[in-house]
Amino acid sequence: MYASNLSWNTLRSTLDLLVNKGYAEESSDFQTRGKQYAITQSGSNVLKYYNRLEDLVKVEARV
C-alpha cells in the first residue's frame, strides 16, 4: 500500500470497484487472516485494450 502511494480508503474503494465490475476476484487468506486479489479474464482483457489504446494515442508530458 505504501509503495503505491495510496491511502487505505482510496485503495479499498478501488479494489471494491474492480471486484464489483468483475475485473478482479477477492479471496481470503486464512494463514495471514487477510485478503488476496487476483485479476480475472475480463480484467486482463481491459488491460490489453488499455495498452492498445495507449499505443495508439501518444500523449506528450507537459513540463
Foldseek 3Di string as FASTA:
>chain_A
DVVVVDDPVVVVVVVVVCVVVQQKDWDADVVVRHIDIDGDPVVVVVVVVVVVVCVVDDDDDDD
